[in-house]
Amino acid sequence: MAQVSMTVRMDSNLKSSFDSLCSQFGMSANTAMNIFAKAVVQRGKIPFEIKGDIAAKAEENEGIKAFRTIRAMAEAGAFPQLSQDEINEEIRAARKER
C-alpha cells in the first residue's frame, strides 16, 4: 500500500511530551498516530470519550463523589490508624452482620 505524508500542528510542549511518552512506550510519535488512525477507522469513531470539564463534573457518579469525600477526610486525618489485625477484625465483623 502506498505511503503518504500528513502534517499535524500542535503546541511544541505537547509535541515534546507526546514524543517522550511514545518513546517510553517503545514507539515513535508517527507509530502512535498510525495506531490512533487505524483504531478510528476500525471502530468508526474516536476510540475514547470526549467531553468537557463541565460535562464530566455533571456526570460524576455518586460513588466517585463518595470516594473523593472519604479520601479527603483520610488525608485530613479524620480516620484512626488501624493495624492489619484491626482491619481484618473490622472485615470479619462486617461479614457477620450480613
Protein backbone atom coordinates (compact mmCIF):
# COMPACT_ATOMS: atom_id res chain seq x y z
CA MET A 1 0.00 0.00 0.00
CA ALA A 2 1.32 3.44 -0.87
CA GLN A 3 2.53 5.62 1.98
CA VAL A 4 1.53 9.29 2.25
CA SER A 5 2.70 12.08 4.48
CA MET A 6 0.45 14.04 6.83
CA THR A 7 1.24 17.22 8.76
CA VAL A 8 -0.23 17.79 12.20
CA ARG A 9 0.09 21.11 14.00
CA MET A 10 0.29 21.11 17.79
CA ASP A 11 1.78 23.09 20.64
CA SER A 12 5.54 22.49 20.97
CA ASN A 13 5.22 21.50 24.65
CA LEU A 14 2.51 18.98 23.79
CA LYS A 15 4.69 17.57 20.98
CA SER A 16 7.65 17.22 23.32
CA SER A 17 5.55 15.45 25.97
CA PHE A 18 3.93 13.23 23.33
CA ASP A 19 7.33 12.24 21.87
CA SER A 20 8.64 11.46 25.35
CA LEU A 21 5.69 9.23 26.24
CA CYS A 22 5.76 7.45 22.90
CA SER A 23 9.44 6.75 23.46
CA GLN A 24 8.62 5.26 26.87
CA PHE A 25 6.05 3.05 25.12
CA GLY A 26 8.78 1.91 22.71
CA MET A 27 7.33 3.61 19.65
CA SER A 28 7.62 6.79 17.65
CA ALA A 29 5.01 9.53 17.56
CA ASN A 30 4.40 8.50 13.94
CA THR A 31 3.59 4.93 15.02
CA ALA A 32 1.26 6.21 17.75
CA MET A 33 -0.60 8.39 15.24
CA ASN A 34 -0.95 5.40 12.90
CA ILE A 35 -2.34 3.28 15.74
CA PHE A 36 -4.83 6.04 16.53
CA ALA A 37 -5.89 6.38 12.87
CA LYS A 38 -6.35 2.61 12.50
CA ALA A 39 -8.47 2.47 15.68
CA VAL A 40 -10.69 5.32 14.39
CA VAL A 41 -11.21 3.56 11.05
CA GLN A 42 -11.81 0.12 12.60
CA ARG A 43 -14.29 1.37 15.20
CA GLY A 44 -15.88 4.10 13.09
CA LYS A 45 -15.44 6.56 15.97
CA ILE A 46 -12.85 8.21 18.17
CA PRO A 47 -11.63 5.35 20.41
CA PHE A 48 -12.25 7.26 23.63
CA GLU A 49 -14.92 9.51 25.07
CA ILE A 50 -14.51 13.23 24.52
CA LYS A 51 -16.26 15.64 26.84
CA GLY A 52 -15.58 18.93 28.51
CA ASP A 53 -14.88 19.53 32.18
CA ILE A 54 -18.42 20.78 32.79
CA ALA A 55 -19.98 17.63 31.34
CA ALA A 56 -17.53 15.43 33.22
CA LYS A 57 -18.32 17.09 36.54
CA ALA A 58 -22.07 16.98 35.90
CA GLU A 59 -21.93 13.25 35.16
CA GLU A 60 -19.71 12.34 38.09
CA ASN A 61 -21.45 9.45 39.80
CA GLU A 62 -22.23 9.20 43.48
CA GLY A 63 -19.60 6.50 44.07
CA ILE A 64 -16.82 8.75 42.80
CA LYS A 65 -18.14 11.65 44.89
CA ALA A 66 -18.18 9.43 47.99
CA PHE A 67 -14.68 8.16 47.25
CA ARG A 68 -13.31 11.69 46.89
CA THR A 69 -15.00 12.79 50.10
CA ILE A 70 -13.61 9.84 52.07
CA ARG A 71 -10.16 10.31 50.55
CA ALA A 72 -10.14 13.98 51.57
CA MET A 73 -11.22 13.01 55.08
CA ALA A 74 -8.45 10.40 55.28
CA GLU A 75 -5.86 12.89 54.07
CA ALA A 76 -7.05 15.30 56.77
CA GLY A 77 -6.55 12.61 59.43
CA ALA A 78 -10.24 12.01 60.13
CA PHE A 79 -9.78 8.25 60.48
CA PRO A 80 -7.77 6.42 63.13
CA GLN A 81 -4.73 4.44 62.08
CA LEU A 82 -5.58 0.75 62.27
CA SER A 83 -3.24 -2.22 62.37
CA GLN A 84 -3.65 -5.06 59.89
CA ASP A 85 -5.23 -7.17 62.65
CA GLU A 86 -7.74 -4.40 63.46
CA ILE A 87 -8.64 -4.03 59.78
CA ASN A 88 -9.18 -7.78 59.46
CA GLU A 89 -11.38 -7.78 62.59
CA GLU A 90 -13.48 -4.95 61.10
CA ILE A 91 -13.93 -7.01 57.94
CA ARG A 92 -14.92 -10.13 59.91
CA ALA A 93 -17.45 -8.15 61.95
CA ALA A 94 -18.98 -6.63 58.81
CA ARG A 95 -19.27 -10.08 57.21
CA LYS A 96 -21.03 -11.47 60.30
CA GLU A 97 -23.60 -8.64 60.13
CA ARG A 98 -24.55 -9.72 56.62
